[in-house]
Amino acid sequence: MDEIERIRAEFETRDRTIPPDFYAWHRPEIQYWQRQTARACTKLLEKAGALPLGNAAVADIGCGTGQWLAEFVHWGAKAANLHGIDLLEERVTRARERLPDADLICGDARHLPWADGSFDLLTQFTVFSSILDCEVQRAIAGEMLRVLRPGGHILWYDCRWSNPARAAVRGLHRRDIERLFPNCAIDFTVTTLVPPLSRIIARHSRALAAMLESLRFTCTHLAAVITPGKK
């Protein structure tokens, strides 16, 4: 099976089998995760001089239902400057309902539908860990670099460890990211308390969850800002 078809089938299966409210915003553990992830990412972007987003053109690769694109509005982005691409038409349809002014496309990120140097900021949230084929990873990374403007940034958030319970999720370490984005300066941070633990603890005490997350060795994800040409 083609890797893109495998990924599409995997996510269609997840959508059918995961309870619809598992990632719902009203759940305290999801609010905690969103807040902590946004905090880690905005800290990196602020350090890079990329905030507020203002008039920046932003594209989210693997935009899903538009959760992070909607978050970017809170970071100062204008909805008309937001773009996204996702493999699943149903998810893109839901994202369009959420963000009718954004440019949202159903498609294959190996062939991004935008011109060279279109964006000030490219983002990806847990896309690359769902790709098992290294050639597909390299193709998507190359496309992201192609559509990024000189002086622009790529915001990365993804698993740094593979999921032993899910063969379709493969973590990427720092050296993996450096290979995907050569000749780039990369500012890393670890984040995200081990999800099964976070789901239990954050329901009852966000303070305790944050304390455990601050230990760093309990964190399962990497956030990074990637800046071409500044290595």
C-alpha atoms as a PDB file:
ATOM      1  CA  MET A   1       0.000   0.000   0.000  1.00  0.00           C
ATOM      2  CA  ASP A   2       1.220   3.504  -0.822  1.00  0.00           C
ATOM      3  CA  GLU A   3       2.360   5.342   2.320  1.00  0.00           C
ATOM      4  CA  ILE A   4      -0.128   8.173   1.829  1.00  0.00           C
ATOM      5  CA  GLU A   5      -2.979   5.699   1.448  1.00  0.00           C
ATOM      6  CA  ARG A   6      -1.799   3.873   4.564  1.00  0.00           C
ATOM      7  CA  ILE A   7      -1.818   7.129   6.544  1.00  0.00           C
ATOM      8  CA  ARG A   8      -5.258   8.036   5.240  1.00  0.00           C
ATOM      9  CA  ALA A   9      -6.614   4.622   6.213  1.00  0.00           C
ATOM     10  CA  GLU A  10      -4.988   4.858   9.654  1.00  0.00           C
ATOM     11  CA  PHE A  11      -6.595   8.215  10.415  1.00  0.00           C
ATOM     12  CA  GLU A  12      -9.968   7.127   9.075  1.00  0.00           C
ATOM     13  CA  THR A  13      -9.770   4.152  11.452  1.00  0.00           C
ATOM     14  CA  ARG A  14      -8.852   6.429  14.356  1.00  0.00           C
ATOM     15  CA  ASP A  15     -11.801   8.699  13.587  1.00  0.00           C
ATOM     16  CA  ARG A  16     -14.145   5.697  13.632  1.00  0.00           C
ATOM     17  CA  THR A  17     -12.791   4.046  16.776  1.00  0.00           C
ATOM     18  CA  ILE A  18     -11.813   6.910  19.104  1.00  0.00           C
ATOM     19  CA  PRO A  19     -14.799   8.225  21.102  1.00  0.00           C
ATOM     20  CA  PRO A  20     -15.948  11.580  19.669  1.00  0.00           C
ATOM     21  CA  ASP A  21     -15.415  13.421  22.958  1.00  0.00           C
ATOM     22  CA  PHE A  22     -11.980  11.908  23.718  1.00  0.00           C
ATOM     23  CA  TYR A  23     -10.224  15.117  22.656  1.00  0.00           C
ATOM     24  CA  ALA A  24     -13.142  17.445  23.418  1.00  0.00           C
ATOM     25  CA  TRP A  25     -12.275  20.901  24.744  1.00  0.00           C
ATOM     26  CA  HIS A  26     -14.499  20.564  27.816  1.00  0.00           C
ATOM     27  CA  ARG A  27     -12.252  17.824  29.217  1.00  0.00           C
ATOM     28  CA  PRO A  28      -9.794  19.258  31.795  1.00  0.00           C
ATOM     29  CA  GLU A  29      -6.924  17.095  30.540  1.00  0.00           C
ATOM     30  CA  ILE A  30      -7.364  18.455  26.987  1.00  0.00           C
ATOM     31  CA  GLN A  31      -7.472  22.041  28.236  1.00  0.00           C
ATOM     32  CA  TYR A  32      -4.265  21.372  30.146  1.00  0.00           C
ATOM     33  CA  TRP A  33      -2.520  19.828  27.113  1.00  0.00           C
ATOM     34  CA  GLN A  34      -3.577  22.666  24.820  1.00  0.00           C
ATOM     35  CA  ARG A  35      -2.397  25.298  27.281  1.00  0.00           C
ATOM     36  CA  GLN A  36       0.963  23.633  27.934  1.00  0.00           C
ATOM     37  CA  THR A  37       1.628  22.981  24.252  1.00  0.00           C
ATOM     38  CA  ALA A  38       0.704  26.546  23.308  1.00  0.00           C
ATOM     39  CA  ARG A  39       2.943  27.856  26.079  1.00  0.00           C
ATOM     40  CA  ALA A  40       5.951  25.862  24.854  1.00  0.00           C
ATOM     41  CA  CYS A  41       5.384  26.847  21.221  1.00  0.00           C
ATOM     42  CA  THR A  42       4.772  30.548  21.813  1.00  0.00           C
ATOM     43  CA  LYS A  43       7.851  30.762  24.015  1.00  0.00           C
ATOM     44  CA  LEU A  44       9.958  29.437  21.143  1.00  0.00           C
ATOM     45  CA  LEU A  45       8.293  31.714  18.600  1.00  0.00           C
ATOM     46  CA  GLU A  46       8.703  34.760  20.815  1.00  0.00           C
ATOM     47  CA  LYS A  47      12.402  33.947  21.231  1.00  0.00           C
ATOM     48  CA  ALA A  48      12.685  33.757  17.430  1.00  0.00           C
ATOM     49  CA  GLY A  49      10.975  37.138  17.036  1.00  0.00           C
ATOM     50  CA  ALA A  50       7.978  35.599  15.247  1.00  0.00           C
ATOM     51  CA  LEU A  51       5.239  36.923  17.567  1.00  0.00           C
ATOM     52  CA  PRO A  52       2.750  38.464  17.383  1.00  0.00           C
ATOM     53  CA  LEU A  53       1.748  36.903  14.084  1.00  0.00           C
ATOM     54  CA  GLY A  54       0.014  40.071  12.871  1.00  0.00           C
ATOM     55  CA  ASN A  55       0.038  40.052   9.061  1.00  0.00           C
ATOM     56  CA  ALA A  56       2.099  36.860   8.815  1.00  0.00           C
ATOM     57  CA  ALA A  57       1.007  34.268   6.275  1.00  0.00           C
ATOM     58  CA  VAL A  58       0.720  30.955   8.144  1.00  0.00           C
ATOM     59  CA  ALA A  59       0.189  27.402   6.864  1.00  0.00           C
ATOM     60  CA  ASP A  60      -0.500  24.345   9.022  1.00  0.00           C
ATOM     61  CA  ILE A  61       0.540  21.049   7.468  1.00  0.00           C
ATOM     62  CA  GLY A  62      -1.906  18.345   8.538  1.00  0.00           C
ATOM     63  CA  CYS A  63      -4.381  20.944   9.758  1.00  0.00           C
ATOM     64  CA  GLY A  64      -7.089  18.451  10.703  1.00  0.00           C
ATOM     65  CA  THR A  65     -10.256  20.205  11.849  1.00  0.00           C
ATOM     66  CA  GLY A  66      -8.436  23.516  12.278  1.00  0.00           C
ATOM     67  CA  GLN A  67      -7.765  23.326  16.010  1.00  0.00           C
ATOM     68  CA  TRP A  68      -4.331  24.947  15.802  1.00  0.00           C
ATOM     69  CA  LEU A  69      -5.279  27.371  13.052  1.00  0.00           C
ATOM     70  CA  ALA A  70      -8.015  28.672  15.360  1.00  0.00           C
ATOM     71  CA  GLU A  71      -5.417  28.958  18.145  1.00  0.00           C
ATOM     72  CA  PHE A  72      -3.218  31.070  15.876  1.00  0.00           C
ATOM     73  CA  VAL A  73      -5.922  33.741  15.806  1.00  0.00           C
ATOM     74  CA  HIS A  74      -5.311  34.142  19.551  1.00  0.00           C
ATOM     75  CA  TRP A  75      -1.615  34.547  18.725  1.00  0.00           C
ATOM     76  CA  GLY A  76      -2.458  37.554  16.553  1.00  0.00           C
ATOM     77  CA  ALA A  77      -2.982  35.967  13.133  1.00  0.00           C
ATOM     78  CA  LYS A  78      -5.691  37.139  10.757  1.00  0.00           C
ATOM     79  CA  ALA A  79      -8.055  34.409   9.589  1.00  0.00           C
ATOM     80  CA  ALA A  80      -7.646  35.470   5.960  1.00  0.00           C
ATOM     81  CA  ASN A  81      -3.883  34.825   6.260  1.00  0.00           C
ATOM     82  CA  LEU A  82      -4.330  31.255   7.510  1.00  0.00           C
ATOM     83  CA  HIS A  83      -3.837  28.247   5.246  1.00  0.00           C
ATOM     84  CA  GLY A  84      -3.953  24.507   5.818  1.00  0.00           C
ATOM     85  CA  ILE A  85      -3.807  21.133   4.123  1.00  0.00           C
ATOM     86  CA  ASP A  86      -4.985  17.722   5.309  1.00  0.00           C
ATOM     87  CA  LEU A  87      -5.459  14.276   3.768  1.00  0.00           C
ATOM     88  CA  LEU A  88      -9.036  13.799   4.983  1.00  0.00           C
ATOM     89  CA  GLU A  89     -11.848  15.712   3.289  1.00  0.00           C
ATOM     90  CA  GLU A  90     -14.143  15.351   6.309  1.00  0.00           C
ATOM     91  CA  ARG A  91     -11.607  17.059   8.563  1.00  0.00           C
ATOM     92  CA  VAL A  92     -11.040  19.863   6.058  1.00  0.00           C
ATOM     93  CA  THR A  93     -14.804  20.397   5.810  1.00  0.00           C
ATOM     94  CA  ARG A  94     -15.017  20.809   9.585  1.00  0.00           C
ATOM     95  CA  ALA A  95     -12.051  23.186   9.536  1.00  0.00           C
ATOM     96  CA  ARG A  96     -13.782  25.299   6.863  1.00  0.00           C
ATOM     97  CA  GLU A  97     -16.872  25.533   9.069  1.00  0.00           C
ATOM     98  CA  ARG A  98     -14.673  26.760  11.910  1.00  0.00           C
ATOM     99  CA  LEU A  99     -12.585  29.144   9.777  1.00  0.00           C
ATOM    100  CA  PRO A 100     -14.575  30.141   6.673  1.00  0.00           C
ATOM    101  CA  ASP A 101     -12.076  32.867   5.711  1.00  0.00           C
ATOM    102  CA  ALA A 102      -9.047  30.571   5.714  1.00  0.00           C
ATOM    103  CA  ASP A 103      -7.569  28.803   2.686  1.00  0.00           C
ATOM    104  CA  LEU A 104      -8.024  25.105   3.482  1.00  0.00           C
ATOM    105  CA  ILE A 105      -7.248  22.289   1.064  1.00  0.00           C
ATOM    106  CA  CYS A 106      -7.612  18.524   1.031  1.00  0.00           C
ATOM    107  CA  GLY A 107      -4.418  17.121  -0.428  1.00  0.00           C
ATOM    108  CA  ASP A 108      -1.037  15.422  -0.180  1.00  0.00           C
ATOM    109  CA  ALA A 109       1.648  17.467   1.611  1.00  0.00           C
ATOM    110  CA  ARG A 110       4.338  15.997  -0.666  1.00  0.00           C
ATOM    111  CA  HIS A 111       2.945  18.388  -3.262  1.00  0.00           C
ATOM    112  CA  LEU A 112       1.932  21.593  -1.506  1.00  0.00           C
ATOM    113  CA  PRO A 113      -0.371  23.730  -3.682  1.00  0.00           C
ATOM    114  CA  TRP A 114       1.352  27.023  -2.901  1.00  0.00           C
ATOM    115  CA  ALA A 115       4.070  28.985  -4.659  1.00  0.00           C
ATOM    116  CA  ASP A 116       7.687  29.179  -3.521  1.00  0.00           C
ATOM    117  CA  GLY A 117       8.207  31.550  -0.595  1.00  0.00           C
ATOM    118  CA  SER A 118       4.515  31.961   0.247  1.00  0.00           C
ATOM    119  CA  PHE A 119       4.639  31.831   4.058  1.00  0.00           C
ATOM    120  CA  ASP A 120       6.221  33.477   7.057  1.00  0.00           C
ATOM    121  CA  LEU A 121       5.396  30.512   9.294  1.00  0.00           C
ATOM    122  CA  LEU A 122       4.858  26.821   8.568  1.00  0.00           C
ATOM    123  CA  THR A 123       3.600  24.550  11.357  1.00  0.00           C
ATOM    124  CA  GLN A 124       3.161  20.839  11.895  1.00  0.00           C
ATOM    125  CA  PHE A 125       1.657  19.110  14.909  1.00  0.00           C
ATOM    126  CA  THR A 126       2.219  15.321  15.162  1.00  0.00           C
ATOM    127  CA  VAL A 127       2.265  14.809  11.396  1.00  0.00           C
ATOM    128  CA  PHE A 128       5.756  13.393  10.906  1.00  0.00           C
ATOM    129  CA  SER A 129       5.399  10.765  13.652  1.00  0.00           C
ATOM    130  CA  SER A 130       2.491   9.306  11.665  1.00  0.00           C
ATOM    131  CA  ILE A 131       4.709   8.834   8.598  1.00  0.00           C
ATOM    132  CA  LEU A 132       6.709   5.614   8.601  1.00  0.00           C
ATOM    133  CA  ASP A 133       8.376   6.119   5.207  1.00  0.00           C
ATOM    134  CA  CYS A 134      11.523   8.261   5.469  1.00  0.00           C
ATOM    135  CA  GLU A 135      11.291   9.302   1.814  1.00  0.00           C
ATOM    136  CA  VAL A 136       7.798  10.701   2.376  1.00  0.00           C
ATOM    137  CA  GLN A 137       9.057  12.571   5.450  1.00  0.00           C
ATOM    138  CA  ARG A 138      11.887  14.083   3.408  1.00  0.00           C
ATOM    139  CA  ALA A 139       9.534  15.064   0.587  1.00  0.00           C
ATOM    140  CA  ILE A 140       7.181  16.894   2.944  1.00  0.00           C
ATOM    141  CA  ALA A 141      10.055  18.616   4.766  1.00  0.00           C
ATOM    142  CA  GLY A 142      11.428  19.747   1.405  1.00  0.00           C
ATOM    143  CA  GLU A 143       8.065  21.162   0.391  1.00  0.00           C
ATOM    144  CA  MET A 144       7.782  23.032   3.680  1.00  0.00           C
ATOM    145  CA  LEU A 145      11.169  24.619   3.074  1.00  0.00           C
ATOM    146  CA  ARG A 146      10.185  25.466  -0.509  1.00  0.00           C
ATOM    147  CA  VAL A 147       7.066  27.437   0.428  1.00  0.00           C
ATOM    148  CA  LEU A 148       8.749  29.240   3.347  1.00  0.00           C
ATOM    149  CA  ARG A 149       9.822  32.835   2.786  1.00  0.00           C
ATOM    150  CA  PRO A 150      13.424  33.910   3.465  1.00  0.00           C
ATOM    151  CA  GLY A 151      13.611  34.755   7.157  1.00  0.00           C
ATOM    152  CA  GLY A 152      10.564  32.607   7.934  1.00  0.00           C
ATOM    153  CA  HIS A 153      10.232  29.865  10.524  1.00  0.00           C
ATOM    154  CA  ILE A 154       8.875  26.342  10.861  1.00  0.00           C
ATOM    155  CA  LEU A 155       7.158  25.438  14.132  1.00  0.00           C
ATOM    156  CA  TRP A 156       7.483  21.738  14.967  1.00  0.00           C
ATOM    157  CA  TYR A 157       5.585  19.754  17.617  1.00  0.00           C
ATOM    158  CA  ASP A 158       5.805  15.990  17.580  1.00  0.00           C
ATOM    159  CA  CYS A 159       6.549  12.794  19.499  1.00  0.00           C
ATOM    160  CA  ARG A 160      10.162  12.158  20.411  1.00  0.00           C
ATOM    161  CA  TRP A 161       9.442   8.550  21.420  1.00  0.00           C
ATOM    162  CA  SER A 162       7.638   5.832  19.525  1.00  0.00           C
ATOM    163  CA  ASN A 163       4.358   4.596  20.954  1.00  0.00           C
ATOM    164  CA  PRO A 164       4.738   0.940  22.026  1.00  0.00           C
ATOM    165  CA  ALA A 165       0.957   0.539  21.912  1.00  0.00           C
ATOM    166  CA  ARG A 166       0.600   1.983  18.409  1.00  0.00           C
ATOM    167  CA  ALA A 167       2.899   0.745  15.653  1.00  0.00           C
ATOM    168  CA  ALA A 168       1.703   3.523  13.356  1.00  0.00           C
ATOM    169  CA  VAL A 169       3.353   6.184  15.533  1.00  0.00           C
ATOM    170  CA  ARG A 170       7.129   6.551  15.289  1.00  0.00           C
ATOM    171  CA  GLY A 171       8.935   9.188  17.319  1.00  0.00           C
ATOM    172  CA  LEU A 172      11.567  11.530  15.928  1.00  0.00           C
ATOM    173  CA  HIS A 173      14.635  12.541  17.916  1.00  0.00           C
ATOM    174  CA  ARG A 174      16.592  15.740  17.503  1.00  0.00           C
ATOM    175  CA  ARG A 175      19.011  14.159  15.047  1.00  0.00           C
ATOM    176  CA  ASP A 176      16.070  13.001  12.891  1.00  0.00           C
ATOM    177  CA  ILE A 177      14.726  16.536  12.687  1.00  0.00           C
ATOM    178  CA  GLU A 178      18.180  17.900  11.917  1.00  0.00           C
ATOM    179  CA  ARG A 179      18.473  15.436   9.020  1.00  0.00           C
ATOM    180  CA  LEU A 180      15.103  16.513   7.646  1.00  0.00           C
ATOM    181  CA  PHE A 181      16.012  20.195   7.834  1.00  0.00           C
ATOM    182  CA  PRO A 182      19.744  20.506   7.032  1.00  0.00           C
ATOM    183  CA  ASN A 183      21.488  23.881   7.135  1.00  0.00           C
ATOM    184  CA  CYS A 184      18.895  25.205   9.563  1.00  0.00           C
ATOM    185  CA  ALA A 185      19.153  26.597  13.076  1.00  0.00           C
ATOM    186  CA  ILE A 186      16.858  24.578  15.341  1.00  0.00           C
ATOM    187  CA  ASP A 187      15.811  25.653  18.826  1.00  0.00           C
ATOM    188  CA  PHE A 188      14.402  22.676  20.750  1.00  0.00           C
ATOM    189  CA  THR A 189      12.458  22.196  23.957  1.00  0.00           C
ATOM    190  CA  VAL A 190      10.871  19.109  25.502  1.00  0.00           C
ATOM    191  CA  THR A 191       7.233  19.266  26.477  1.00  0.00           C
ATOM    192  CA  THR A 192       4.039  17.237  27.123  1.00  0.00           C
ATOM    193  CA  LEU A 193       3.712  15.052  30.186  1.00  0.00           C
ATOM    194  CA  VAL A 194       3.351  11.345  29.283  1.00  0.00           C
ATOM    195  CA  PRO A 195      -0.225  11.387  27.884  1.00  0.00           C
ATOM    196  CA  PRO A 196      -1.716   8.437  29.827  1.00  0.00           C
ATOM    197  CA  LEU A 197      -0.382   9.989  33.037  1.00  0.00           C
ATOM    198  CA  SER A 198      -1.466  13.485  32.043  1.00  0.00           C
ATOM    199  CA  ARG A 199      -5.010  12.342  31.260  1.00  0.00           C
ATOM    200  CA  ILE A 200      -5.359  11.011  34.812  1.00  0.00           C
ATOM    201  CA  ILE A 201      -3.582  13.726  36.793  1.00  0.00           C
ATOM    202  CA  ALA A 202      -4.683  16.850  34.905  1.00  0.00           C
ATOM    203  CA  ARG A 203      -8.331  15.973  35.532  1.00  0.00           C
ATOM    204  CA  HIS A 204      -7.736  16.531  39.236  1.00  0.00           C
ATOM    205  CA  SER A 205      -4.720  18.829  39.573  1.00  0.00           C
ATOM    206  CA  ARG A 206      -3.173  20.898  36.794  1.00  0.00           C
ATOM    207  CA  ALA A 207      -0.556  22.122  39.266  1.00  0.00           C
ATOM    208  CA  LEU A 208       0.622  18.570  39.956  1.00  0.00           C
ATOM    209  CA  ALA A 209       0.636  17.776  36.242  1.00  0.00           C
ATOM    210  CA  ALA A 210       2.740  20.874  35.549  1.00  0.00           C
ATOM    211  CA  MET A 211       5.169  19.988  38.335  1.00  0.00           C
ATOM    212  CA  LEU A 212       5.674  16.505  36.883  1.00  0.00           C
ATOM    213  CA  GLU A 213       6.063  17.930  33.384  1.00  0.00           C
ATOM    214  CA  SER A 214       8.759  20.316  34.618  1.00  0.00           C
ATOM    215  CA  LEU A 215      10.963  17.304  35.414  1.00  0.00           C
ATOM    216  CA  ARG A 216      11.525  16.992  31.619  1.00  0.00           C
ATOM    217  CA  PHE A 217      12.311  13.264  31.647  1.00  0.00           C
ATOM    218  CA  THR A 218       8.542  12.763  31.921  1.00  0.00           C
ATOM    219  CA  CYS A 219       7.998  14.601  28.598  1.00  0.00           C
ATOM    220  CA  THR A 220       7.218  12.688  25.418  1.00  0.00           C
ATOM    221  CA  HIS A 221       7.293  15.420  22.759  1.00  0.00           C
ATOM    222  CA  LEU A 222       9.657  17.910  21.180  1.00  0.00           C
ATOM    223  CA  ALA A 223       8.707  21.438  20.191  1.00  0.00           C
ATOM    224  CA  ALA A 224      11.101  23.353  17.967  1.00  0.00           C
ATOM    225  CA  VAL A 225      11.477  26.433  15.832  1.00  0.00           C
ATOM    226  CA  ILE A 226      13.403  25.741  12.640  1.00  0.00           C
ATOM    227  CA  THR A 227      15.028  28.658  10.837  1.00  0.00           C
ATOM    228  CA  PRO A 228      16.686  28.012   7.461  1.00  0.00           C
ATOM    229  CA  GLY A 229      20.038  29.570   6.673  1.00  0.00           C
ATOM    230  CA  LYS A 230      20.997  30.476  10.247  1.00  0.00           C
ATOM    231  CA  LYS A 231      22.943  27.393  11.341  1.00  0.00           C
END
